[in-house]
Protein backbone atom coordinates (compact mmCIF):
# COMPACT_ATOMS: atom_id res chain seq x y z
CA MET A 1 0.91 -16.10 6.87
CA ASN A 2 -0.67 -17.87 3.96
CA PRO A 3 1.25 -17.02 0.76
CA GLU A 4 -2.00 -16.96 -1.24
CA THR A 5 -3.42 -14.18 0.91
CA THR A 6 -0.18 -12.22 1.35
CA ILE A 7 0.80 -9.46 -1.07
CA SER A 8 3.58 -6.89 -1.19
CA VAL A 9 2.92 -3.14 -1.15
CA THR A 10 4.53 -2.90 -4.60
CA ARG A 11 2.15 -5.45 -6.12
CA LEU A 12 -0.81 -3.85 -4.31
CA ARG A 13 -0.02 -0.48 -5.92
CA ARG A 14 0.19 -2.09 -9.37
CA GLU A 15 -2.88 -4.31 -9.14
CA ILE A 16 -5.20 -2.63 -6.61
CA HIS A 17 -8.31 -2.64 -8.81
CA SER A 18 -8.14 -6.28 -9.84
CA LEU A 19 -7.19 -7.36 -6.32
CA LEU A 20 -10.21 -5.60 -4.83
CA ASP A 21 -12.51 -7.03 -7.51
CA ASN A 22 -11.30 -10.56 -6.61
CA LEU A 23 -10.78 -10.14 -2.86
CA PRO A 24 -10.82 -13.55 -1.14
CA PRO A 25 -13.22 -14.02 1.82
CA GLU A 26 -10.30 -14.14 4.27
CA GLY A 27 -8.91 -10.86 2.90
CA LEU A 28 -5.32 -9.95 2.06
CA ILE A 29 -2.31 -9.25 4.26
CA ILE A 30 -0.13 -6.43 2.92
CA THR A 31 3.60 -6.76 3.52
CA ASN A 32 6.39 -4.22 3.34
CA ARG A 33 9.82 -5.84 2.92
CA GLY A 34 8.39 -9.15 4.08
CA ARG A 35 6.77 -7.82 7.27
CA PRO A 36 2.97 -7.64 7.61
CA VAL A 37 1.84 -4.00 7.87
CA ALA A 38 -1.88 -4.03 7.05
CA GLN A 39 -4.83 -6.22 6.24
CA ILE A 40 -7.65 -5.66 3.73
CA LEU A 41 -10.90 -7.42 4.62
CA PRO A 42 -14.04 -7.66 2.50
CA CYS A 43 -17.03 -5.60 3.54
CA HIS A 44 -19.88 -8.00 4.24
CA MET A 45 -22.48 -5.28 3.95
CA LYS A 46 -24.32 -4.72 0.68
CA PRO A 47 -23.82 -1.16 -0.65
CA GLU A 48 -27.56 -0.52 -0.61
CA ASP A 49 -27.63 -1.34 3.13
CA MET A 50 -25.18 1.52 3.78
CA ILE A 51 -27.49 4.21 2.36
CA GLY A 52 -28.97 6.27 5.19
CA ARG A 53 -27.02 4.44 7.88
CA LEU A 54 -25.79 7.66 9.51
CA LYS A 55 -29.18 9.38 9.50
CA GLY A 56 -29.63 11.21 12.80
CA GLU A 57 -26.01 10.64 13.84
CA PHE A 58 -24.80 14.22 13.21
CA GLU A 59 -26.07 17.74 12.58
CA ILE A 60 -25.17 20.12 9.77
CA HIS A 61 -24.50 23.71 10.84
CA GLY A 62 -24.39 26.45 8.24
CA ASP A 63 -24.27 26.23 4.47
CA ILE A 64 -22.31 23.12 3.45
CA TYR A 65 -22.26 24.23 -0.19
CA SER A 66 -20.39 27.50 0.41
CA THR A 67 -17.11 28.56 1.95
CA GLY A 68 -18.63 31.95 2.75
CA ILE A 69 -15.93 33.68 0.71
CA THR A 70 -16.72 35.75 -2.39
CA TRP A 71 -14.27 34.95 -5.13
CA GLU A 72 -12.91 37.64 -7.39
CA ALA A 73 -13.72 35.48 -10.42
CA THR A 74 -17.43 35.56 -9.58
CA LYS A 75 -17.62 39.36 -9.29
CA ASP A 76 -18.87 41.54 -12.15
CA PRO A 77 -15.74 43.11 -13.75
CA ASN A 78 -17.68 46.36 -14.35
CA GLU A 79 -18.19 47.01 -10.63
């Protein structure tokens, strides 16, 4: 394990945003009590290349914007 690419879980929790903004090309190895438990690797895909990538891969059944349940808060109190 390269000490420059190894980081503890505690430090990861504290510095996650800056670490992800400056993620080295080889990624980071996350350790818990000195033992490697996970690895974070950079995504080599541009975000704009991900748009529409799952088109045609699944079907939507039913109304995805509704639970199908009428809430009491949405009912007219005069009814």
